[in-house]
N, C-alpha and C. Protein backbone atom coordinates (compact mmCIF):
# COMPACT_ATOMS: atom_id res chain seq x y z
N MET A 1 0.82 -1.17 0.00
CA MET A 1 0.00 0.00 0.00
C MET A 1 0.88 1.26 0.00
N ASP A 2 1.93 1.25 0.82
CA ASP A 2 2.81 2.41 0.88
C ASP A 2 3.51 2.67 -0.45
N LYS A 3 3.96 1.60 -1.10
CA LYS A 3 4.63 1.76 -2.39
C LYS A 3 3.66 2.29 -3.44
N THR A 4 2.43 1.81 -3.41
CA THR A 4 1.41 2.29 -4.35
C THR A 4 1.12 3.76 -4.12
N ALA A 5 0.97 4.16 -2.88
CA ALA A 5 0.71 5.57 -2.56
C ALA A 5 1.87 6.44 -3.02
N ALA A 6 3.10 5.99 -2.79
CA ALA A 6 4.27 6.75 -3.23
C ALA A 6 4.31 6.89 -4.75
N LEU A 7 3.96 5.82 -5.46
CA LEU A 7 3.94 5.85 -6.92
C LEU A 7 2.86 6.82 -7.42
N LEU A 8 1.69 6.78 -6.80
CA LEU A 8 0.60 7.67 -7.21
C LEU A 8 0.96 9.14 -6.97
N LYS A 9 1.69 9.40 -5.92
CA LYS A 9 2.14 10.77 -5.66
C LYS A 9 3.20 11.19 -6.66
N ALA A 10 4.19 10.33 -6.87
CA ALA A 10 5.33 10.68 -7.72
C ALA A 10 4.96 10.76 -9.20
N ARG A 11 4.26 9.76 -9.70
CA ARG A 11 3.97 9.71 -11.13
C ARG A 11 2.58 10.17 -11.49
N GLY A 12 1.67 10.07 -10.54
CA GLY A 12 0.29 10.43 -10.83
C GLY A 12 -0.03 11.87 -10.48
N GLY A 13 0.89 12.52 -9.78
CA GLY A 13 0.67 13.91 -9.42
C GLY A 13 -0.46 14.10 -8.42
N LEU A 14 -0.78 13.08 -7.65
CA LEU A 14 -1.87 13.17 -6.69
C LEU A 14 -1.38 13.75 -5.36
N THR A 15 -2.29 14.34 -4.64
CA THR A 15 -1.96 14.82 -3.30
C THR A 15 -1.69 13.60 -2.41
N PRO A 16 -0.92 13.76 -1.36
CA PRO A 16 -0.66 12.63 -0.47
C PRO A 16 -1.95 11.98 0.06
N GLU A 17 -2.95 12.80 0.35
CA GLU A 17 -4.22 12.27 0.88
C GLU A 17 -4.94 11.42 -0.16
N LYS A 18 -5.04 11.93 -1.38
CA LYS A 18 -5.74 11.21 -2.45
C LYS A 18 -4.97 9.93 -2.83
N ALA A 19 -3.64 10.04 -2.88
CA ALA A 19 -2.82 8.87 -3.20
C ALA A 19 -3.01 7.78 -2.16
N GLU A 20 -3.04 8.15 -0.89
CA GLU A 20 -3.23 7.15 0.17
C GLU A 20 -4.63 6.55 0.10
N GLU A 21 -5.62 7.37 -0.20
CA GLU A 21 -7.01 6.88 -0.31
C GLU A 21 -7.12 5.83 -1.42
N LEU A 22 -6.53 6.13 -2.58
CA LEU A 22 -6.57 5.19 -3.70
C LEU A 22 -5.75 3.94 -3.40
N ALA A 23 -4.61 4.09 -2.73
CA ALA A 23 -3.78 2.93 -2.39
C ALA A 23 -4.53 2.00 -1.44
N VAL A 24 -5.26 2.56 -0.48
CA VAL A 24 -6.05 1.74 0.45
C VAL A 24 -7.14 1.01 -0.32
N SER A 25 -7.81 1.71 -1.23
CA SER A 25 -8.86 1.08 -2.04
C SER A 25 -8.30 -0.06 -2.88
N LEU A 26 -7.14 0.16 -3.47
CA LEU A 26 -6.51 -0.89 -4.28
C LEU A 26 -6.15 -2.09 -3.41
N ALA A 27 -5.59 -1.85 -2.23
CA ALA A 27 -5.24 -2.95 -1.32
C ALA A 27 -6.50 -3.72 -0.92
N ASP A 28 -7.60 -3.02 -0.69
CA ASP A 28 -8.86 -3.68 -0.34
C ASP A 28 -9.34 -4.58 -1.48
N VAL A 29 -9.29 -4.08 -2.70
CA VAL A 29 -9.73 -4.86 -3.86
C VAL A 29 -8.84 -6.09 -4.03
N MET A 30 -7.53 -5.93 -3.87
CA MET A 30 -6.61 -7.05 -4.00
C MET A 30 -6.87 -8.10 -2.92
N ALA A 31 -7.09 -7.65 -1.70
CA ALA A 31 -7.38 -8.58 -0.59
C ALA A 31 -8.68 -9.31 -0.83
N GLU A 32 -9.68 -8.59 -1.33
CA GLU A 32 -10.98 -9.20 -1.62
C GLU A 32 -10.86 -10.24 -2.74
N SER A 33 -10.10 -9.90 -3.76
CA SER A 33 -9.97 -10.77 -4.93
C SER A 33 -9.05 -11.95 -4.70
N TRP A 34 -7.92 -11.72 -4.03
CA TRP A 34 -6.90 -12.74 -3.94
C TRP A 34 -6.54 -13.12 -2.50
N GLY A 35 -7.30 -12.65 -1.54
CA GLY A 35 -6.99 -12.95 -0.13
C GLY A 35 -6.83 -14.44 0.11
N GLY A 36 -5.76 -14.83 0.75
CA GLY A 36 -5.49 -16.22 1.04
C GLY A 36 -4.82 -16.98 -0.08
N SER A 37 -4.62 -16.33 -1.23
CA SER A 37 -3.99 -16.99 -2.38
C SER A 37 -2.49 -16.73 -2.39
N MET A 38 -1.78 -17.66 -2.99
CA MET A 38 -0.35 -17.46 -3.23
C MET A 38 -0.24 -16.77 -4.59
N ILE A 39 0.29 -15.59 -4.61
CA ILE A 39 0.45 -14.83 -5.85
C ILE A 39 1.94 -14.76 -6.18
N TYR A 40 2.29 -15.03 -7.43
CA TYR A 40 3.68 -14.99 -7.87
C TYR A 40 3.87 -13.82 -8.82
N PHE A 41 4.83 -12.95 -8.51
CA PHE A 41 5.20 -11.86 -9.40
C PHE A 41 6.55 -12.21 -9.99
N PRO A 42 6.63 -12.42 -11.30
CA PRO A 42 7.90 -12.81 -11.90
C PRO A 42 8.94 -11.71 -11.79
N LYS A 43 10.19 -12.11 -11.65
CA LYS A 43 11.28 -11.15 -11.61
C LYS A 43 11.74 -10.82 -13.01
N GLY A 44 11.25 -11.50 -14.01
CA GLY A 44 11.68 -11.46 -15.40
C GLY A 44 12.13 -10.13 -15.95
N ILE A 45 12.15 -10.04 -17.22
CA ILE A 45 12.62 -8.88 -17.96
C ILE A 45 11.44 -7.93 -18.14
N TRP A 46 11.54 -6.74 -17.61
CA TRP A 46 10.45 -5.77 -17.70
C TRP A 46 10.79 -4.72 -18.72
N ASN A 47 9.83 -4.40 -19.55
CA ASN A 47 10.05 -3.46 -20.64
C ASN A 47 8.85 -2.52 -20.70
N GLY A 48 9.01 -1.31 -20.22
CA GLY A 48 7.93 -0.34 -20.26
C GLY A 48 6.74 -0.76 -19.40
N GLY A 49 6.97 -1.47 -18.32
CA GLY A 49 5.90 -1.85 -17.42
C GLY A 49 5.22 -3.16 -17.77
N ALA A 50 5.67 -3.83 -18.82
CA ALA A 50 5.06 -5.11 -19.20
C ALA A 50 6.15 -6.14 -19.41
N LEU A 51 5.91 -7.34 -18.94
CA LEU A 51 6.87 -8.42 -19.13
C LEU A 51 6.96 -8.75 -20.61
N THR A 52 8.16 -8.78 -21.14
CA THR A 52 8.36 -9.01 -22.57
C THR A 52 8.36 -10.50 -22.85
N CYS A 53 7.28 -11.00 -23.41
CA CYS A 53 7.11 -12.44 -23.64
C CYS A 53 8.13 -13.00 -24.61
N PHE A 54 8.46 -12.26 -25.66
CA PHE A 54 9.40 -12.78 -26.64
C PHE A 54 10.78 -12.97 -26.02
N GLN A 55 11.19 -12.02 -25.18
CA GLN A 55 12.47 -12.15 -24.51
C GLN A 55 12.43 -13.31 -23.52
N LEU A 56 11.27 -13.51 -22.89
CA LEU A 56 11.16 -14.62 -21.95
C LEU A 56 11.35 -15.96 -22.63
N ALA A 57 10.78 -16.14 -23.81
CA ALA A 57 10.93 -17.42 -24.50
C ALA A 57 12.40 -17.69 -24.79
N ASP A 58 13.11 -16.71 -25.31
CA ASP A 58 14.54 -16.88 -25.58
C ASP A 58 15.29 -17.11 -24.28
N ARG A 59 14.97 -16.34 -23.27
CA ARG A 59 15.63 -16.47 -21.98
C ARG A 59 15.42 -17.87 -21.41
N ASP A 60 14.20 -18.38 -21.49
CA ASP A 60 13.89 -19.69 -20.94
C ASP A 60 14.70 -20.78 -21.63
N TRP A 61 14.81 -20.72 -22.95
CA TRP A 61 15.60 -21.73 -23.66
C TRP A 61 17.08 -21.59 -23.34
N ASN A 62 17.55 -20.37 -23.16
CA ASN A 62 18.94 -20.16 -22.75
C ASN A 62 19.19 -20.76 -21.37
N ILE A 63 18.26 -20.57 -20.46
CA ILE A 63 18.38 -21.15 -19.12
C ILE A 63 18.42 -22.66 -19.22
N TYR A 64 17.51 -23.24 -19.99
CA TYR A 64 17.47 -24.69 -20.14
C TYR A 64 18.80 -25.21 -20.72
N ARG A 65 19.30 -24.54 -21.73
CA ARG A 65 20.56 -24.95 -22.38
C ARG A 65 21.73 -24.86 -21.40
N ASP A 66 21.76 -23.80 -20.58
CA ASP A 66 22.89 -23.57 -19.66
C ASP A 66 22.79 -24.37 -18.37
N HIS A 67 21.60 -24.85 -18.03
CA HIS A 67 21.41 -25.56 -16.76
C HIS A 67 22.11 -26.92 -16.80
N ASN A 68 22.94 -27.18 -15.78
CA ASN A 68 23.65 -28.45 -15.74
C ASN A 68 23.33 -29.25 -14.47
N GLY A 69 22.36 -28.77 -13.70
CA GLY A 69 21.96 -29.46 -12.48
C GLY A 69 22.72 -29.01 -11.24
N ARG A 70 23.82 -28.28 -11.45
CA ARG A 70 24.62 -27.82 -10.32
C ARG A 70 24.79 -26.31 -10.29
N ASN A 71 24.26 -25.61 -11.29
CA ASN A 71 24.51 -24.17 -11.38
C ASN A 71 23.24 -23.34 -11.23
N HIS A 72 22.24 -23.86 -10.50
CA HIS A 72 20.97 -23.14 -10.41
C HIS A 72 21.13 -21.78 -9.74
N LYS A 73 21.98 -21.67 -8.72
CA LYS A 73 22.14 -20.37 -8.04
C LYS A 73 22.72 -19.32 -9.01
N GLU A 74 23.72 -19.72 -9.76
CA GLU A 74 24.33 -18.79 -10.73
C GLU A 74 23.30 -18.35 -11.79
N LEU A 75 22.53 -19.30 -12.30
CA LEU A 75 21.52 -18.96 -13.32
C LEU A 75 20.43 -18.06 -12.75
N CYS A 76 20.02 -18.32 -11.51
CA CYS A 76 18.99 -17.48 -10.87
C CYS A 76 19.49 -16.04 -10.74
N GLU A 77 20.73 -15.89 -10.32
CA GLU A 77 21.30 -14.54 -10.19
C GLU A 77 21.45 -13.87 -11.55
N ARG A 78 21.94 -14.61 -12.54
CA ARG A 78 22.17 -14.04 -13.87
C ARG A 78 20.87 -13.57 -14.51
N HIS A 79 19.79 -14.34 -14.31
CA HIS A 79 18.52 -14.03 -14.97
C HIS A 79 17.50 -13.38 -14.04
N ALA A 80 17.89 -13.10 -12.81
CA ALA A 80 17.01 -12.44 -11.82
C ALA A 80 15.69 -13.18 -11.65
N ILE A 81 15.80 -14.48 -11.37
CA ILE A 81 14.62 -15.31 -11.14
C ILE A 81 14.83 -16.11 -9.86
N SER A 82 13.76 -16.63 -9.33
CA SER A 82 13.84 -17.47 -8.14
C SER A 82 14.20 -18.91 -8.53
N SER A 83 14.66 -19.69 -7.55
CA SER A 83 14.98 -21.10 -7.80
C SER A 83 13.75 -21.86 -8.27
N ALA A 84 12.61 -21.59 -7.63
CA ALA A 84 11.38 -22.28 -8.01
C ALA A 84 11.04 -21.99 -9.48
N HIS A 85 11.22 -20.74 -9.90
CA HIS A 85 10.91 -20.39 -11.29
C HIS A 85 11.89 -21.07 -12.25
N LEU A 86 13.16 -21.16 -11.86
CA LEU A 86 14.13 -21.83 -12.70
C LEU A 86 13.72 -23.28 -12.93
N TYR A 87 13.31 -23.97 -11.88
CA TYR A 87 12.91 -25.37 -12.03
C TYR A 87 11.63 -25.51 -12.86
N ARG A 88 10.73 -24.54 -12.77
CA ARG A 88 9.53 -24.57 -13.63
C ARG A 88 9.92 -24.40 -15.10
N ILE A 89 10.88 -23.51 -15.35
CA ILE A 89 11.35 -23.27 -16.73
C ILE A 89 11.97 -24.55 -17.29
N VAL A 90 12.85 -25.17 -16.51
CA VAL A 90 13.52 -26.40 -16.97
C VAL A 90 12.49 -27.49 -17.24
N ALA A 91 11.53 -27.65 -16.33
CA ALA A 91 10.49 -28.67 -16.51
C ALA A 91 9.64 -28.38 -17.75
N ALA A 92 9.29 -27.12 -17.97
CA ALA A 92 8.47 -26.76 -19.14
C ALA A 92 9.23 -27.04 -20.43
N CYS A 93 10.51 -26.73 -20.46
CA CYS A 93 11.31 -26.99 -21.66
C CYS A 93 11.42 -28.50 -21.92
N ARG A 94 11.62 -29.27 -20.85
CA ARG A 94 11.68 -30.73 -21.00
C ARG A 94 10.37 -31.28 -21.54
N ARG A 95 9.24 -30.79 -21.00
CA ARG A 95 7.92 -31.24 -21.47
C ARG A 95 7.75 -30.91 -22.95
N HIS A 96 8.15 -29.71 -23.34
CA HIS A 96 8.02 -29.28 -24.74
C HIS A 96 8.84 -30.19 -25.64
N LEU A 97 10.08 -30.48 -25.26
CA LEU A 97 10.93 -31.34 -26.07
C LEU A 97 10.38 -32.76 -26.14
N ALA A 98 9.87 -33.26 -25.02
CA ALA A 98 9.30 -34.62 -25.01
C ALA A 98 8.08 -34.71 -25.91
N SER A 99 7.21 -33.71 -25.88
CA SER A 99 6.02 -33.75 -26.72
C SER A 99 6.40 -33.60 -28.19
N ALA A 100 7.44 -32.83 -28.48
CA ALA A 100 7.88 -32.68 -29.87
C ALA A 100 8.44 -34.01 -30.40
N ARG A 101 9.14 -34.76 -29.53
CA ARG A 101 9.68 -36.06 -29.96
C ARG A 101 8.58 -37.08 -30.17
N GLN A 102 7.49 -36.97 -29.42
CA GLN A 102 6.41 -37.95 -29.51
C GLN A 102 5.41 -37.64 -30.61
N ALA A 103 5.47 -36.42 -31.14
CA ALA A 103 4.52 -36.04 -32.19
C ALA A 103 4.74 -36.91 -33.42
N LYS A 104 3.65 -37.41 -33.96
CA LYS A 104 3.73 -38.25 -35.15
C LYS A 104 3.78 -37.37 -36.39
N PRO A 105 4.53 -37.79 -37.38
CA PRO A 105 4.55 -37.00 -38.62
C PRO A 105 3.19 -37.03 -39.30
N ALA A 106 2.87 -35.97 -39.98
CA ALA A 106 1.59 -35.88 -40.69
C ALA A 106 1.60 -36.85 -41.86
N PRO A 107 0.41 -37.49 -42.12
CA PRO A 107 0.35 -38.41 -43.26
C PRO A 107 0.57 -37.67 -44.57
N VAL A 108 1.21 -38.37 -45.49
CA VAL A 108 1.53 -37.75 -46.78
C VAL A 108 0.57 -38.22 -47.83
């Protein structure tokens, strides 16, 4: 809530009172919508306020290629991701490769 209020003041040009009022409202809506849920915010590559999906795809394959089972800490630091996210990326790449190998060729 405090970070939201600070952002609304700094970038939104709102008075401190109005910024705090909106920040409280936003926190209430988030609590109502997602209260009790585990929410994950990716550390990924941010570009103009939006996660860049195309860069993520390349990044994910680079992570998979570079992962050797012993260098997860180095890869997490290099790509600014959590260990859990690194393992999800590796698993997703493995699933994709396995499904590609199992795909049958189209009849001719």
